[in-house]
Amino acid sequence: MAKQLDIQKIIAEDFDSKPEAALALDITERTLDRWIEQGNGPPVVLIRKRQFFDKRALAEFKQKRLVRR
């Protein structure tokens, strides 16, 4: 049980769920899905068949998109 709590803590501290990632990028979840399907989205981590996004990678991805605009 202790390991499961540690994993949940790590996920909460270091990763965003898809809704959280979309909000952080100021886009819809559908847009995020399209970007991922096209290979243009932020890196995705699968944890128990759910998509999560490393918060640091999201920040870098967002910064790169801002620079390109």
N, C-alpha and C. Protein backbone atom coordinates (compact mmCIF):
# COMPACT_ATOMS: atom_id res chain seq x y z
N MET A 1 0.81 -1.20 0.00
CA MET A 1 0.00 0.00 0.00
C MET A 1 0.86 1.27 0.00
N ALA A 2 1.99 1.23 0.68
CA ALA A 2 2.86 2.40 0.73
C ALA A 2 3.37 2.78 -0.65
N LYS A 3 3.72 1.78 -1.48
CA LYS A 3 4.21 2.07 -2.83
C LYS A 3 3.15 2.76 -3.66
N GLN A 4 1.90 2.33 -3.53
CA GLN A 4 0.82 2.94 -4.30
C GLN A 4 0.66 4.40 -3.91
N LEU A 5 0.74 4.71 -2.64
CA LEU A 5 0.62 6.09 -2.20
C LEU A 5 1.78 6.92 -2.73
N ASP A 6 2.99 6.35 -2.76
CA ASP A 6 4.14 7.06 -3.29
C ASP A 6 3.95 7.36 -4.78
N ILE A 7 3.45 6.41 -5.52
CA ILE A 7 3.21 6.61 -6.96
C ILE A 7 2.17 7.70 -7.16
N GLN A 8 1.11 7.68 -6.41
CA GLN A 8 0.07 8.70 -6.53
C GLN A 8 0.62 10.08 -6.21
N LYS A 9 1.50 10.17 -5.22
CA LYS A 9 2.11 11.44 -4.84
C LYS A 9 3.00 11.95 -5.96
N ILE A 10 3.80 11.05 -6.53
CA ILE A 10 4.68 11.42 -7.63
C ILE A 10 3.86 11.91 -8.83
N ILE A 11 2.82 11.17 -9.15
CA ILE A 11 1.97 11.57 -10.27
C ILE A 11 1.38 12.95 -10.01
N ALA A 12 0.86 13.18 -8.83
CA ALA A 12 0.23 14.46 -8.50
C ALA A 12 1.24 15.61 -8.56
N GLU A 13 2.47 15.36 -8.12
CA GLU A 13 3.47 16.42 -8.06
C GLU A 13 4.13 16.70 -9.41
N ASP A 14 4.36 15.66 -10.19
CA ASP A 14 5.19 15.79 -11.39
C ASP A 14 4.44 15.71 -12.72
N PHE A 15 3.20 15.26 -12.69
CA PHE A 15 2.47 15.04 -13.94
C PHE A 15 1.10 15.71 -13.91
N ASP A 16 0.64 16.07 -15.10
CA ASP A 16 -0.72 16.60 -15.28
C ASP A 16 -1.55 15.57 -16.04
N SER A 17 -2.82 15.50 -15.71
CA SER A 17 -3.75 14.69 -16.47
C SER A 17 -4.04 15.40 -17.79
N LYS A 18 -4.75 14.76 -18.68
CA LYS A 18 -5.07 15.39 -19.96
C LYS A 18 -5.86 16.69 -19.78
N PRO A 19 -6.91 16.71 -18.93
CA PRO A 19 -7.62 17.98 -18.73
C PRO A 19 -6.71 19.08 -18.17
N GLU A 20 -5.84 18.72 -17.24
CA GLU A 20 -4.92 19.70 -16.67
C GLU A 20 -3.92 20.20 -17.71
N ALA A 21 -3.43 19.29 -18.55
CA ALA A 21 -2.48 19.67 -19.59
C ALA A 21 -3.14 20.60 -20.61
N ALA A 22 -4.35 20.28 -21.01
CA ALA A 22 -5.07 21.14 -21.95
C ALA A 22 -5.27 22.53 -21.36
N LEU A 23 -5.62 22.59 -20.11
CA LEU A 23 -5.81 23.87 -19.43
C LEU A 23 -4.49 24.64 -19.37
N ALA A 24 -3.41 23.96 -19.05
CA ALA A 24 -2.10 24.61 -18.97
C ALA A 24 -1.67 25.17 -20.32
N LEU A 25 -2.05 24.48 -21.41
CA LEU A 25 -1.69 24.93 -22.75
C LEU A 25 -2.73 25.87 -23.35
N ASP A 26 -3.82 26.09 -22.63
CA ASP A 26 -4.92 26.95 -23.08
C ASP A 26 -5.52 26.47 -24.39
N ILE A 27 -5.78 25.15 -24.44
CA ILE A 27 -6.40 24.51 -25.60
C ILE A 27 -7.46 23.53 -25.10
N THR A 28 -8.23 22.98 -26.02
CA THR A 28 -9.21 21.97 -25.63
C THR A 28 -8.53 20.60 -25.59
N GLU A 29 -9.17 19.66 -24.91
CA GLU A 29 -8.65 18.29 -24.88
C GLU A 29 -8.63 17.70 -26.28
N ARG A 30 -9.60 18.04 -27.09
CA ARG A 30 -9.66 17.52 -28.46
C ARG A 30 -8.46 18.01 -29.28
N THR A 31 -8.10 19.28 -29.10
CA THR A 31 -6.92 19.80 -29.79
C THR A 31 -5.68 19.06 -29.33
N LEU A 32 -5.58 18.82 -28.04
CA LEU A 32 -4.45 18.07 -27.50
C LEU A 32 -4.41 16.66 -28.10
N ASP A 33 -5.56 16.02 -28.20
CA ASP A 33 -5.64 14.69 -28.82
C ASP A 33 -5.15 14.73 -30.27
N ARG A 34 -5.58 15.75 -31.02
CA ARG A 34 -5.17 15.87 -32.43
C ARG A 34 -3.67 16.07 -32.54
N TRP A 35 -3.12 16.94 -31.69
CA TRP A 35 -1.68 17.18 -31.72
C TRP A 35 -0.92 15.88 -31.45
N ILE A 36 -1.39 15.11 -30.49
CA ILE A 36 -0.73 13.84 -30.16
C ILE A 36 -0.83 12.87 -31.33
N GLU A 37 -2.02 12.77 -31.92
CA GLU A 37 -2.23 11.88 -33.07
C GLU A 37 -1.33 12.26 -34.23
N GLN A 38 -1.11 13.55 -34.43
CA GLN A 38 -0.29 14.04 -35.54
C GLN A 38 1.20 14.01 -35.22
N GLY A 39 1.54 13.71 -33.97
CA GLY A 39 2.94 13.70 -33.57
C GLY A 39 3.50 15.08 -33.28
N ASN A 40 2.61 16.05 -33.08
CA ASN A 40 3.02 17.43 -32.84
C ASN A 40 2.81 17.87 -31.39
N GLY A 41 2.35 16.98 -30.56
CA GLY A 41 2.00 17.34 -29.19
C GLY A 41 3.13 17.15 -28.21
N PRO A 42 2.86 17.48 -26.96
CA PRO A 42 3.86 17.27 -25.91
C PRO A 42 4.04 15.78 -25.65
N PRO A 43 5.16 15.39 -25.06
CA PRO A 43 5.38 13.98 -24.75
C PRO A 43 4.32 13.43 -23.80
N VAL A 44 3.88 12.22 -24.08
CA VAL A 44 2.85 11.56 -23.28
C VAL A 44 3.46 10.40 -22.51
N VAL A 45 3.05 10.26 -21.26
CA VAL A 45 3.47 9.13 -20.43
C VAL A 45 2.22 8.33 -20.10
N LEU A 46 2.24 7.04 -20.40
CA LEU A 46 1.10 6.19 -20.05
C LEU A 46 1.34 5.56 -18.69
N ILE A 47 0.40 5.78 -17.79
CA ILE A 47 0.44 5.18 -16.46
C ILE A 47 -0.91 4.53 -16.24
N ARG A 48 -0.87 3.21 -16.13
CA ARG A 48 -2.11 2.43 -15.99
C ARG A 48 -3.12 2.78 -17.08
N LYS A 49 -2.63 2.82 -18.30
CA LYS A 49 -3.44 3.05 -19.50
C LYS A 49 -4.05 4.45 -19.57
N ARG A 50 -3.58 5.36 -18.73
CA ARG A 50 -4.06 6.74 -18.79
C ARG A 50 -2.91 7.64 -19.23
N GLN A 51 -3.25 8.68 -19.97
CA GLN A 51 -2.25 9.60 -20.46
C GLN A 51 -1.96 10.68 -19.41
N PHE A 52 -0.67 10.88 -19.18
CA PHE A 52 -0.22 11.95 -18.30
C PHE A 52 0.87 12.73 -19.01
N PHE A 53 1.11 13.94 -18.53
CA PHE A 53 2.06 14.83 -19.16
C PHE A 53 2.98 15.41 -18.09
N ASP A 54 4.29 15.22 -18.29
CA ASP A 54 5.28 15.74 -17.35
C ASP A 54 5.16 17.27 -17.33
N LYS A 55 5.02 17.84 -16.14
CA LYS A 55 4.81 19.28 -16.03
C LYS A 55 5.96 20.08 -16.62
N ARG A 56 7.20 19.61 -16.44
CA ARG A 56 8.35 20.32 -17.00
C ARG A 56 8.33 20.26 -18.53
N ALA A 57 7.99 19.09 -19.06
CA ALA A 57 7.92 18.95 -20.53
C ALA A 57 6.81 19.82 -21.09
N LEU A 58 5.70 19.93 -20.39
CA LEU A 58 4.61 20.80 -20.84
C LEU A 58 5.06 22.26 -20.88
N ALA A 59 5.77 22.69 -19.85
CA ALA A 59 6.25 24.07 -19.81
C ALA A 59 7.20 24.33 -20.98
N GLU A 60 8.10 23.39 -21.26
CA GLU A 60 9.03 23.53 -22.39
C GLU A 60 8.27 23.56 -23.72
N PHE A 61 7.29 22.67 -23.86
CA PHE A 61 6.49 22.60 -25.08
C PHE A 61 5.75 23.92 -25.30
N LYS A 62 5.16 24.44 -24.23
CA LYS A 62 4.42 25.71 -24.33
C LYS A 62 5.36 26.85 -24.72
N GLN A 63 6.54 26.88 -24.12
CA GLN A 63 7.50 27.93 -24.44
C GLN A 63 7.92 27.86 -25.90
N LYS A 64 8.19 26.67 -26.42
CA LYS A 64 8.57 26.51 -27.82
C LYS A 64 7.46 26.97 -28.74
N ARG A 65 6.21 26.68 -28.40
CA ARG A 65 5.08 27.09 -29.23
C ARG A 65 4.96 28.62 -29.22
N LEU A 66 5.21 29.24 -28.09
CA LEU A 66 5.14 30.70 -28.01
C LEU A 66 6.21 31.36 -28.87
N VAL A 67 7.38 30.78 -28.89
CA VAL A 67 8.49 31.32 -29.67
C VAL A 67 8.20 31.21 -31.16
N ARG A 68 7.56 30.13 -31.58
CA ARG A 68 7.26 29.92 -33.00
C ARG A 68 6.17 30.84 -33.53
N ARG A 69 5.33 31.36 -32.67
CA ARG A 69 4.19 32.18 -33.14
C ARG A 69 4.60 33.52 -33.60
